[in-house]
Amino acid sequence: MVERGDPKPERQRIRKLAQAALNADVTVDQLTTIIVDMGDTLEGVGQTVDGMNVTIASLDETLTRMSETLDQVDLIAARMNDVVVRMERVVGRVEAIVDIGEVAIRPLGALESVGRSVAGRLGLK
């Protein structure tokens, strides 16, 4: 034990204890500030995650609508294919009619040519 005759070591001990208490108090204040800042940061992260969830939900809805639209485009493409097939049949029929018409007109063309030739020889031109 410390003798009562020398008060300096006891004062130094009290000073060291007081300094340690002040240091502990400053450390606690610093930790409190860090924890509060971390809480704010984590709250911001939570808001960011909530915002991302909303964005992802919106993207999901958009992709669903896009899928539905592509399904409709597929149906329309199939219908258009049917229309094209029918139009090709119609065009084929028209071509056949035109061919028949050309064959039917050939004798008339030959007859006209003969008539002009006869008229030319007769001087009726």
N, C-alpha and C. Protein backbone atom coordinates (compact mmCIF):
# COMPACT_ATOMS: atom_id res chain seq x y z
N MET A 1 0.80 -1.18 0.00
CA MET A 1 0.00 0.00 0.00
C MET A 1 0.85 1.26 0.00
N VAL A 2 0.17 2.35 -0.39
CA VAL A 2 0.89 3.61 -0.47
C VAL A 2 0.84 4.26 0.91
N GLU A 3 1.95 4.81 1.23
CA GLU A 3 2.01 5.48 2.52
C GLU A 3 1.31 6.81 2.44
N ARG A 4 0.78 7.21 3.60
CA ARG A 4 0.04 8.46 3.63
C ARG A 4 0.97 9.66 3.58
N GLY A 5 2.13 9.50 3.72
CA GLY A 5 3.05 10.61 3.74
C GLY A 5 3.33 11.16 2.35
N ASP A 6 3.13 10.33 1.28
CA ASP A 6 3.46 10.77 -0.08
C ASP A 6 2.17 10.84 -0.91
N PRO A 7 1.51 12.03 -1.08
CA PRO A 7 0.24 12.15 -1.80
C PRO A 7 0.40 12.13 -3.32
N LYS A 8 1.61 12.27 -3.86
CA LYS A 8 1.80 12.36 -5.30
C LYS A 8 1.40 11.08 -6.03
N PRO A 9 1.78 9.90 -5.61
CA PRO A 9 1.38 8.70 -6.37
C PRO A 9 -0.13 8.52 -6.39
N GLU A 10 -0.80 8.88 -5.33
CA GLU A 10 -2.25 8.75 -5.30
C GLU A 10 -2.90 9.75 -6.27
N ARG A 11 -2.39 10.94 -6.36
CA ARG A 11 -2.90 11.95 -7.28
C ARG A 11 -2.64 11.51 -8.73
N GLN A 12 -1.48 10.97 -8.97
CA GLN A 12 -1.16 10.50 -10.33
C GLN A 12 -2.12 9.36 -10.71
N ARG A 13 -2.41 8.51 -9.76
CA ARG A 13 -3.35 7.41 -10.03
C ARG A 13 -4.74 7.96 -10.35
N ILE A 14 -5.18 8.95 -9.59
CA ILE A 14 -6.49 9.56 -9.83
C ILE A 14 -6.50 10.26 -11.18
N ARG A 15 -5.42 10.94 -11.52
CA ARG A 15 -5.33 11.60 -12.82
C ARG A 15 -5.39 10.57 -13.96
N LYS A 16 -4.69 9.47 -13.81
CA LYS A 16 -4.71 8.43 -14.83
C LYS A 16 -6.11 7.84 -14.97
N LEU A 17 -6.75 7.62 -13.85
CA LEU A 17 -8.12 7.09 -13.89
C LEU A 17 -9.08 8.10 -14.53
N ALA A 18 -8.92 9.36 -14.21
CA ALA A 18 -9.77 10.41 -14.79
C ALA A 18 -9.52 10.51 -16.29
N GLN A 19 -8.24 10.44 -16.69
CA GLN A 19 -7.90 10.49 -18.12
C GLN A 19 -8.47 9.27 -18.84
N ALA A 20 -8.39 8.10 -18.24
CA ALA A 20 -8.94 6.89 -18.84
C ALA A 20 -10.46 7.01 -18.97
N ALA A 21 -11.10 7.60 -17.96
CA ALA A 21 -12.55 7.80 -18.02
C ALA A 21 -12.91 8.77 -19.15
N LEU A 22 -12.14 9.85 -19.29
CA LEU A 22 -12.38 10.81 -20.37
C LEU A 22 -12.16 10.14 -21.73
N ASN A 23 -11.10 9.36 -21.83
CA ASN A 23 -10.83 8.65 -23.09
C ASN A 23 -11.97 7.67 -23.41
N ALA A 24 -12.45 6.98 -22.41
CA ALA A 24 -13.56 6.05 -22.60
C ALA A 24 -14.82 6.81 -23.04
N ASP A 25 -15.03 7.97 -22.43
CA ASP A 25 -16.19 8.79 -22.79
C ASP A 25 -16.09 9.25 -24.25
N VAL A 26 -14.92 9.70 -24.68
CA VAL A 26 -14.71 10.13 -26.07
C VAL A 26 -14.91 8.94 -27.01
N THR A 27 -14.40 7.78 -26.63
CA THR A 27 -14.55 6.57 -27.45
C THR A 27 -16.03 6.20 -27.59
N VAL A 28 -16.76 6.29 -26.48
CA VAL A 28 -18.19 5.99 -26.52
C VAL A 28 -18.90 6.98 -27.44
N ASP A 29 -18.55 8.26 -27.37
CA ASP A 29 -19.16 9.27 -28.25
C ASP A 29 -18.84 8.97 -29.71
N GLN A 30 -17.60 8.59 -29.99
CA GLN A 30 -17.21 8.26 -31.36
C GLN A 30 -17.99 7.03 -31.86
N LEU A 31 -18.10 6.03 -31.02
CA LEU A 31 -18.85 4.82 -31.40
C LEU A 31 -20.32 5.14 -31.62
N THR A 32 -20.87 6.01 -30.78
CA THR A 32 -22.28 6.40 -30.94
C THR A 32 -22.47 7.10 -32.28
N THR A 33 -21.56 8.00 -32.63
CA THR A 33 -21.64 8.69 -33.92
C THR A 33 -21.55 7.69 -35.07
N ILE A 34 -20.62 6.74 -34.98
CA ILE A 34 -20.47 5.73 -36.04
C ILE A 34 -21.74 4.89 -36.17
N ILE A 35 -22.29 4.48 -35.04
CA ILE A 35 -23.50 3.65 -35.07
C ILE A 35 -24.68 4.43 -35.66
N VAL A 36 -24.81 5.71 -35.30
CA VAL A 36 -25.89 6.54 -35.86
C VAL A 36 -25.70 6.67 -37.37
N ASP A 37 -24.46 6.94 -37.80
CA ASP A 37 -24.18 7.06 -39.24
C ASP A 37 -24.47 5.74 -39.96
N MET A 38 -24.12 4.63 -39.34
CA MET A 38 -24.40 3.33 -39.95
C MET A 38 -25.90 3.10 -40.06
N GLY A 39 -26.64 3.53 -39.03
CA GLY A 39 -28.09 3.40 -39.08
C GLY A 39 -28.68 4.18 -40.24
N ASP A 40 -28.18 5.43 -40.43
CA ASP A 40 -28.65 6.25 -41.56
C ASP A 40 -28.30 5.58 -42.90
N THR A 41 -27.07 5.04 -42.96
CA THR A 41 -26.64 4.36 -44.19
C THR A 41 -27.51 3.13 -44.46
N LEU A 42 -27.75 2.34 -43.43
CA LEU A 42 -28.57 1.14 -43.61
C LEU A 42 -30.00 1.52 -43.98
N GLU A 43 -30.50 2.62 -43.43
CA GLU A 43 -31.84 3.08 -43.80
C GLU A 43 -31.86 3.48 -45.27
N GLY A 44 -30.80 4.16 -45.71
CA GLY A 44 -30.68 4.53 -47.13
C GLY A 44 -30.60 3.30 -48.01
N VAL A 45 -29.86 2.28 -47.56
CA VAL A 45 -29.77 1.03 -48.32
C VAL A 45 -31.14 0.38 -48.39
N GLY A 46 -31.88 0.41 -47.30
CA GLY A 46 -33.24 -0.15 -47.30
C GLY A 46 -34.12 0.58 -48.30
N GLN A 47 -34.00 1.90 -48.35
CA GLN A 47 -34.79 2.66 -49.32
C GLN A 47 -34.36 2.33 -50.75
N THR A 48 -33.04 2.15 -50.94
CA THR A 48 -32.54 1.78 -52.26
C THR A 48 -33.08 0.42 -52.66
N VAL A 49 -33.08 -0.52 -51.72
CA VAL A 49 -33.60 -1.86 -52.02
C VAL A 49 -35.08 -1.78 -52.34
N ASP A 50 -35.82 -0.96 -51.57
CA ASP A 50 -37.25 -0.78 -51.87
C ASP A 50 -37.44 -0.19 -53.26
N GLY A 51 -36.61 0.80 -53.60
CA GLY A 51 -36.68 1.41 -54.93
C GLY A 51 -36.36 0.39 -56.01
N MET A 52 -35.36 -0.46 -55.76
CA MET A 52 -35.01 -1.49 -56.73
C MET A 52 -36.14 -2.51 -56.87
N ASN A 53 -36.80 -2.83 -55.77
CA ASN A 53 -37.92 -3.76 -55.82
C ASN A 53 -39.04 -3.19 -56.70
N VAL A 54 -39.31 -1.89 -56.54
CA VAL A 54 -40.33 -1.24 -57.36
C VAL A 54 -39.91 -1.27 -58.83
N THR A 55 -38.65 -0.97 -59.09
CA THR A 55 -38.14 -0.98 -60.46
C THR A 55 -38.23 -2.37 -61.07
N ILE A 56 -37.85 -3.37 -60.31
CA ILE A 56 -37.90 -4.76 -60.81
C ILE A 56 -39.35 -5.17 -61.05
N ALA A 57 -40.25 -4.77 -60.17
CA ALA A 57 -41.67 -5.09 -60.38
C ALA A 57 -42.18 -4.43 -61.66
N SER A 58 -41.77 -3.19 -61.88
CA SER A 58 -42.17 -2.48 -63.11
C SER A 58 -41.58 -3.17 -64.34
N LEU A 59 -40.33 -3.60 -64.23
CA LEU A 59 -39.69 -4.32 -65.33
C LEU A 59 -40.41 -5.63 -65.60
N ASP A 60 -40.83 -6.31 -64.54
CA ASP A 60 -41.59 -7.55 -64.70
C ASP A 60 -42.89 -7.30 -65.46
N GLU A 61 -43.59 -6.24 -65.09
CA GLU A 61 -44.85 -5.90 -65.78
C GLU A 61 -44.58 -5.58 -67.25
N THR A 62 -43.52 -4.85 -67.51
CA THR A 62 -43.17 -4.50 -68.88
C THR A 62 -42.84 -5.74 -69.70
N LEU A 63 -42.07 -6.65 -69.10
CA LEU A 63 -41.72 -7.88 -69.81
C LEU A 63 -42.96 -8.75 -70.06
N THR A 64 -43.89 -8.75 -69.12
CA THR A 64 -45.14 -9.50 -69.31
C THR A 64 -45.93 -8.92 -70.47
N ARG A 65 -46.04 -7.58 -70.50
CA ARG A 65 -46.76 -6.94 -71.61
C ARG A 65 -46.06 -7.20 -72.94
N MET A 66 -44.73 -7.15 -72.91
CA MET A 66 -43.97 -7.41 -74.14
C MET A 66 -44.20 -8.84 -74.62
N SER A 67 -44.23 -9.78 -73.70
CA SER A 67 -44.49 -11.18 -74.06
C SER A 67 -45.88 -11.34 -74.67
N GLU A 68 -46.87 -10.68 -74.07
CA GLU A 68 -48.22 -10.72 -74.61
C GLU A 68 -48.27 -10.11 -76.01
N THR A 69 -47.55 -9.00 -76.19
CA THR A 69 -47.52 -8.35 -77.49
C THR A 69 -46.86 -9.26 -78.53
N LEU A 70 -45.77 -9.92 -78.15
CA LEU A 70 -45.11 -10.83 -79.08
C LEU A 70 -46.00 -12.02 -79.42
N ASP A 71 -46.79 -12.48 -78.45
CA ASP A 71 -47.74 -13.56 -78.73
C ASP A 71 -48.77 -13.10 -79.76
N GLN A 72 -49.24 -11.85 -79.60
CA GLN A 72 -50.19 -11.30 -80.57
C GLN A 72 -49.55 -11.16 -81.95
N VAL A 73 -48.29 -10.74 -81.98
CA VAL A 73 -47.58 -10.61 -83.25
C VAL A 73 -47.46 -11.99 -83.92
N ASP A 74 -47.18 -13.02 -83.12
CA ASP A 74 -47.11 -14.38 -83.67
C ASP A 74 -48.44 -14.79 -84.29
N LEU A 75 -49.54 -14.49 -83.59
CA LEU A 75 -50.87 -14.82 -84.13
C LEU A 75 -51.14 -14.07 -85.43
N ILE A 76 -50.79 -12.79 -85.44
CA ILE A 76 -51.00 -11.98 -86.63
C ILE A 76 -50.13 -12.50 -87.78
N ALA A 77 -48.90 -12.89 -87.47
CA ALA A 77 -48.01 -13.42 -88.51
C ALA A 77 -48.60 -14.69 -89.12
N ALA A 78 -49.18 -15.55 -88.28
CA ALA A 78 -49.80 -16.77 -88.79
C ALA A 78 -50.99 -16.41 -89.68
N ARG A 79 -51.79 -15.44 -89.26
CA ARG A 79 -52.93 -15.01 -90.08
C ARG A 79 -52.45 -14.41 -91.40
N MET A 80 -51.39 -13.61 -91.32
CA MET A 80 -50.85 -13.00 -92.53
C MET A 80 -50.33 -14.07 -93.48
N ASN A 81 -49.74 -15.12 -92.95
CA ASN A 81 -49.28 -16.22 -93.78
C ASN A 81 -50.45 -16.85 -94.52
N ASP A 82 -51.56 -17.04 -93.82
CA ASP A 82 -52.77 -17.58 -94.46
C ASP A 82 -53.25 -16.65 -95.58
N VAL A 83 -53.23 -15.35 -95.31
CA VAL A 83 -53.66 -14.37 -96.32
C VAL A 83 -52.73 -14.44 -97.54
N VAL A 84 -51.43 -14.54 -97.30
CA VAL A 84 -50.47 -14.62 -98.40
C VAL A 84 -50.72 -15.87 -99.24
N VAL A 85 -50.99 -17.00 -98.59
CA VAL A 85 -51.27 -18.24 -99.32
C VAL A 85 -52.51 -18.06 -100.19
N ARG A 86 -53.56 -17.46 -99.63
CA ARG A 86 -54.78 -17.23 -100.42
C ARG A 86 -54.53 -16.28 -101.58
N MET A 87 -53.74 -15.23 -101.34
CA MET A 87 -53.43 -14.28 -102.40
C MET A 87 -52.63 -14.95 -103.51
N GLU A 88 -51.71 -15.83 -103.13
CA GLU A 88 -50.93 -16.55 -104.15
C GLU A 88 -51.85 -17.41 -105.01
N ARG A 89 -52.85 -18.03 -104.38
CA ARG A 89 -53.82 -18.83 -105.15
C ARG A 89 -54.59 -17.94 -106.12
N VAL A 90 -55.02 -16.77 -105.64
CA VAL A 90 -55.77 -15.85 -106.48
C VAL A 90 -54.89 -15.39 -107.65
N VAL A 91 -53.65 -15.04 -107.36
CA VAL A 91 -52.73 -14.59 -108.42
C VAL A 91 -52.52 -15.71 -109.43
N GLY A 92 -52.39 -16.94 -108.94
CA GLY A 92 -52.25 -18.09 -109.85
C GLY A 92 -53.45 -18.22 -110.77
N ARG A 93 -54.64 -18.04 -110.22
CA ARG A 93 -55.86 -18.12 -111.03
C ARG A 93 -55.92 -17.00 -112.07
N VAL A 94 -55.55 -15.80 -111.65
CA VAL A 94 -55.55 -14.66 -112.57
C VAL A 94 -54.54 -14.91 -113.69
N GLU A 95 -53.37 -15.43 -113.35
CA GLU A 95 -52.37 -15.74 -114.38
C GLU A 95 -52.91 -16.77 -115.36
N ALA A 96 -53.62 -17.78 -114.85
CA ALA A 96 -54.22 -18.79 -115.74
C ALA A 96 -55.25 -18.15 -116.65
N ILE A 97 -56.07 -17.25 -116.13
CA ILE A 97 -57.08 -16.56 -116.96
C ILE A 97 -56.39 -15.71 -118.02
N VAL A 98 -55.32 -15.02 -117.63
CA VAL A 98 -54.59 -14.18 -118.59
C VAL A 98 -53.98 -15.07 -119.68
N ASP A 99 -53.41 -16.19 -119.31
CA ASP A 99 -52.85 -17.11 -120.31
C ASP A 99 -53.93 -17.59 -121.27
N ILE A 100 -55.11 -17.95 -120.74
CA ILE A 100 -56.22 -18.39 -121.60
C ILE A 100 -56.64 -17.25 -122.51
N GLY A 101 -56.69 -16.04 -122.00
CA GLY A 101 -57.05 -14.87 -122.81
C GLY A 101 -56.04 -14.65 -123.93
N GLU A 102 -54.76 -14.78 -123.62
CA GLU A 102 -53.73 -14.59 -124.65
C GLU A 102 -53.85 -15.65 -125.74
N VAL A 103 -54.10 -16.89 -125.32
CA VAL A 103 -54.27 -17.96 -126.30
C VAL A 103 -55.51 -17.69 -127.16
N ALA A 104 -56.57 -17.20 -126.53
CA ALA A 104 -57.82 -16.93 -127.27
C ALA A 104 -57.65 -15.77 -128.24
N ILE A 105 -56.81 -14.81 -127.93
CA ILE A 105 -56.65 -13.63 -128.77
C ILE A 105 -55.70 -13.88 -129.94
N ARG A 106 -54.82 -14.87 -129.85
CA ARG A 106 -53.86 -15.13 -130.92
C ARG A 106 -54.55 -15.33 -132.28
N PRO A 107 -55.59 -16.15 -132.35
CA PRO A 107 -56.23 -16.28 -133.68
C PRO A 107 -56.79 -14.96 -134.18
N LEU A 108 -57.31 -14.13 -133.26
CA LEU A 108 -57.82 -12.82 -133.68
C LEU A 108 -56.70 -11.95 -134.22
N GLY A 109 -55.55 -12.04 -133.58
CA GLY A 109 -54.38 -11.27 -134.05
C GLY A 109 -53.95 -11.75 -135.42
N ALA A 110 -53.97 -13.07 -135.61
CA ALA A 110 -53.60 -13.62 -136.91
C ALA A 110 -54.62 -13.21 -137.96
N LEU A 111 -55.91 -13.24 -137.63
CA LEU A 111 -56.98 -12.84 -138.54
C LEU A 111 -56.85 -11.36 -138.90
N GLU A 112 -56.52 -10.53 -137.91
CA GLU A 112 -56.33 -9.10 -138.15
C GLU A 112 -55.16 -8.89 -139.09
N SER A 113 -54.08 -9.64 -138.87
CA SER A 113 -52.90 -9.52 -139.73
C SER A 113 -53.23 -9.91 -141.16
N VAL A 114 -54.02 -10.99 -141.32
CA VAL A 114 -54.42 -11.42 -142.66
C VAL A 114 -55.31 -10.35 -143.29
N GLY A 115 -56.24 -9.80 -142.52
CA GLY A 115 -57.13 -8.75 -143.03
C GLY A 115 -56.35 -7.54 -143.48
N ARG A 116 -55.36 -7.12 -142.77
CA ARG A 116 -54.55 -5.95 -143.17
C ARG A 116 -53.74 -6.27 -144.41
N SER A 117 -53.26 -7.47 -144.44
CA SER A 117 -52.49 -7.86 -145.62
C SER A 117 -53.37 -7.84 -146.87
N VAL A 118 -54.61 -8.37 -146.74
CA VAL A 118 -55.54 -8.37 -147.88
C VAL A 118 -55.92 -6.93 -148.23
N ALA A 119 -56.19 -6.12 -147.23
CA ALA A 119 -56.57 -4.73 -147.48
C ALA A 119 -55.43 -3.99 -148.15
N GLY A 120 -54.21 -4.29 -147.74
CA GLY A 120 -53.04 -3.64 -148.33
C GLY A 120 -52.90 -4.02 -149.79
N ARG A 121 -53.17 -5.25 -150.13
CA ARG A 121 -53.05 -5.69 -151.52
C ARG A 121 -54.17 -5.12 -152.36
N LEU A 122 -55.30 -4.96 -151.73
CA LEU A 122 -56.43 -4.39 -152.47
C LEU A 122 -56.34 -2.87 -152.57
N GLY A 123 -55.40 -2.29 -151.87
CA GLY A 123 -55.23 -0.85 -151.89
C GLY A 123 -56.21 -0.12 -151.00
N LEU A 124 -56.79 -0.78 -150.00
CA LEU A 124 -57.75 -0.15 -149.10
C LEU A 124 -57.07 0.44 -147.86
N LYS A 125 -55.87 0.39 -147.87
CA LYS A 125 -55.13 0.85 -146.70
C LYS A 125 -55.18 2.29 -146.50
